[in-house]
Amino acid sequence: MMRGVSPTGEHESRQVFREWYGREYEGVFVEIEREVIDGDYGANGYTTRAQVDDIAARLRLGAGTRVLDIGTGRGWPALYFAATRRCEVVACDVPVEGLTVGVRRAHADGLDPRVRFVAASGDALPFCTASFDAIVHTDTLC
């Protein structure tokens, strides 16, 4: 018998992610995020701002660069790239609840023109080959 995630376990896992990503944190949760990753973008992992800055530098992200962020959750680091590097970012993930939080943050930060959110799985991307200059994924199992 193969071990793995049963269809029931997968359904339960998806529900947990939907609930997790759909939350908008404030107060102590934001303070914890600021302490752990040095930012408050609604991150759902442990990739720090310094690590994201290193990724951006290595990929030479800047104005005019098109970036795909796979497994973006609520938009970390997609929103940060758009804000600090002024690049164009497509942020994709499966839980729509997280993407909705990211869309609101993009709007609040005036990043709508540079960030688009797409509900898509990393293994079934709805983009043409060579649509992006760089592809990133942080704290994501691919």
Protein backbone atom coordinates (compact mmCIF):
# COMPACT_ATOMS: atom_id res chain seq x y z
CA MET A 1 0.00 0.00 0.00
CA MET A 2 1.37 3.41 -0.96
CA ARG A 3 1.53 6.05 1.70
CA GLY A 4 0.55 9.59 0.85
CA VAL A 5 -2.20 12.09 1.18
CA SER A 6 -5.60 10.53 0.76
CA PRO A 7 -8.24 12.38 -1.20
CA THR A 8 -9.91 13.15 2.15
CA GLY A 9 -6.62 14.40 3.61
CA GLU A 10 -6.04 16.56 0.54
CA HIS A 11 -9.49 18.10 0.89
CA GLU A 12 -8.89 18.82 4.57
CA SER A 13 -5.47 20.29 3.76
CA ARG A 14 -6.96 22.60 1.14
CA GLN A 15 -9.58 23.76 3.65
CA VAL A 16 -6.87 24.57 6.21
CA PHE A 17 -4.98 26.62 3.60
CA ARG A 18 -8.15 28.46 2.57
CA GLU A 19 -8.83 29.42 6.18
CA TRP A 20 -5.19 30.35 6.85
CA TYR A 21 -4.76 32.51 3.77
CA GLY A 22 -8.14 34.17 4.19
CA ARG A 23 -7.24 35.68 7.54
CA GLU A 24 -6.08 39.26 7.70
CA TYR A 25 -3.75 39.56 10.62
CA GLU A 26 -3.25 42.54 12.86
CA GLY A 27 -1.78 43.32 16.23
CA VAL A 28 0.52 40.67 17.63
CA PHE A 29 0.49 38.65 14.40
CA VAL A 30 1.86 41.60 12.44
CA GLU A 31 4.47 42.21 15.12
CA ILE A 32 5.59 38.57 14.92
CA GLU A 33 5.87 38.80 11.14
CA ARG A 34 7.90 41.99 11.42
CA GLU A 35 10.23 40.28 13.88
CA VAL A 36 10.61 37.06 11.88
CA ILE A 37 10.83 38.33 8.29
CA ASP A 38 11.33 42.08 8.78
CA GLY A 39 8.14 42.96 6.93
CA ASP A 40 4.36 42.96 7.14
CA TYR A 41 3.13 41.59 3.83
CA GLY A 42 0.99 38.79 5.26
CA ALA A 43 3.73 36.24 4.68
CA ASN A 44 2.92 32.63 5.34
CA GLY A 45 6.49 31.36 5.54
CA TYR A 46 9.91 32.30 6.81
CA THR A 47 11.65 33.90 3.87
CA THR A 48 13.09 37.11 5.28
CA ARG A 49 13.28 40.51 3.67
CA ALA A 50 17.08 40.12 3.41
CA GLN A 51 16.63 36.83 1.53
CA VAL A 52 14.05 38.39 -0.80
CA ASP A 53 16.39 41.33 -1.44
CA ASP A 54 19.11 38.80 -2.30
CA ILE A 55 16.77 36.97 -4.70
CA ALA A 56 15.84 40.27 -6.36
CA ALA A 57 19.50 41.26 -6.75
CA ARG A 58 20.52 37.87 -8.16
CA LEU A 59 17.67 38.00 -10.67
CA ARG A 60 18.39 41.65 -11.46
CA LEU A 61 14.76 42.61 -10.93
CA GLY A 62 13.90 46.15 -11.90
CA ALA A 63 11.48 48.31 -13.84
CA GLY A 64 10.43 46.49 -17.00
CA THR A 65 11.13 43.03 -15.56
CA ARG A 66 8.21 40.55 -15.64
CA VAL A 67 8.23 38.20 -12.66
CA LEU A 68 6.04 35.19 -11.84
CA ASP A 69 5.68 34.43 -8.12
CA ILE A 70 4.42 30.86 -7.74
CA GLY A 71 2.72 30.03 -4.44
CA THR A 72 2.35 33.67 -3.45
CA GLY A 73 -0.23 33.15 -0.71
CA ARG A 74 -1.19 36.70 0.27
CA GLY A 75 1.41 38.28 -2.01
CA TRP A 76 4.79 37.88 -0.30
CA PRO A 77 7.22 38.58 -1.94
CA ALA A 78 5.31 39.68 -5.08
CA LEU A 79 4.06 42.92 -3.53
CA TYR A 80 7.49 43.68 -2.13
CA PHE A 81 9.16 43.19 -5.53
CA ALA A 82 6.64 45.52 -7.16
CA ALA A 83 7.06 48.15 -4.46
CA THR A 84 10.84 48.10 -4.10
CA ARG A 85 12.03 47.00 -7.56
CA ARG A 86 9.15 48.51 -9.55
CA CYS A 87 8.86 45.37 -11.65
CA GLU A 88 5.68 43.86 -13.05
CA VAL A 89 4.62 40.79 -11.07
CA VAL A 90 2.06 38.06 -11.60
CA ALA A 91 1.32 36.39 -8.28
CA CYS A 92 -0.31 32.99 -8.45
CA ASP A 93 -1.57 30.45 -5.95
CA VAL A 94 -4.51 28.12 -5.48
CA PRO A 95 -6.34 29.48 -2.40
CA VAL A 96 -8.41 32.38 -3.70
CA GLU A 97 -8.79 33.60 -0.13
CA GLY A 98 -5.11 34.50 0.06
CA LEU A 99 -5.14 36.12 -3.36
CA THR A 100 -8.08 38.27 -2.28
CA VAL A 101 -6.04 39.57 0.67
CA GLY A 102 -3.15 40.28 -1.73
CA VAL A 103 -5.40 42.17 -4.15
CA ARG A 104 -6.61 44.40 -1.32
CA ARG A 105 -3.04 45.05 -0.18
CA ALA A 106 -1.94 45.86 -3.75
CA HIS A 107 -4.78 48.35 -4.05
CA ALA A 108 -4.06 49.93 -0.64
CA ASP A 109 -0.37 50.30 -1.53
CA GLY A 110 -1.09 51.69 -5.01
CA LEU A 111 0.51 48.69 -6.69
CA ASP A 112 -2.47 47.68 -8.85
CA PRO A 113 -0.70 48.67 -12.08
CA ARG A 114 2.28 46.41 -11.34
CA VAL A 115 0.77 43.33 -9.64
CA ARG A 116 -1.79 40.88 -10.97
CA PHE A 117 -3.13 37.94 -8.96
CA VAL A 118 -4.05 34.70 -10.72
CA ALA A 119 -5.66 31.60 -9.23
CA ALA A 120 -3.47 28.83 -10.63
CA SER A 121 -1.44 25.87 -9.47
CA GLY A 122 2.28 25.80 -10.10
CA ASP A 123 1.87 22.53 -11.99
CA ALA A 124 -0.79 23.90 -14.36
CA LEU A 125 0.18 27.47 -15.19
CA PRO A 126 -2.03 29.33 -17.69
CA PHE A 127 0.83 31.28 -19.31
CA CYS A 128 2.64 31.02 -22.61
CA THR A 129 6.26 29.93 -22.68
CA ALA A 130 8.70 32.82 -22.18
CA SER A 131 6.04 35.10 -20.66
CA PHE A 132 8.35 36.05 -17.77
CA ASP A 133 11.91 37.22 -17.26
CA ALA A 134 12.12 35.52 -13.86
CA ILE A 135 10.16 32.98 -11.83
CA VAL A 136 10.34 32.77 -8.04
CA HIS A 137 8.79 30.66 -5.34
CA THR A 138 9.48 31.04 -1.64
CA ASP A 139 8.33 28.77 1.14
CA THR A 140 6.55 26.66 -1.46
CA LEU A 141 6.81 22.97 -2.13
CA CYS A 142 7.01 22.49 -5.88
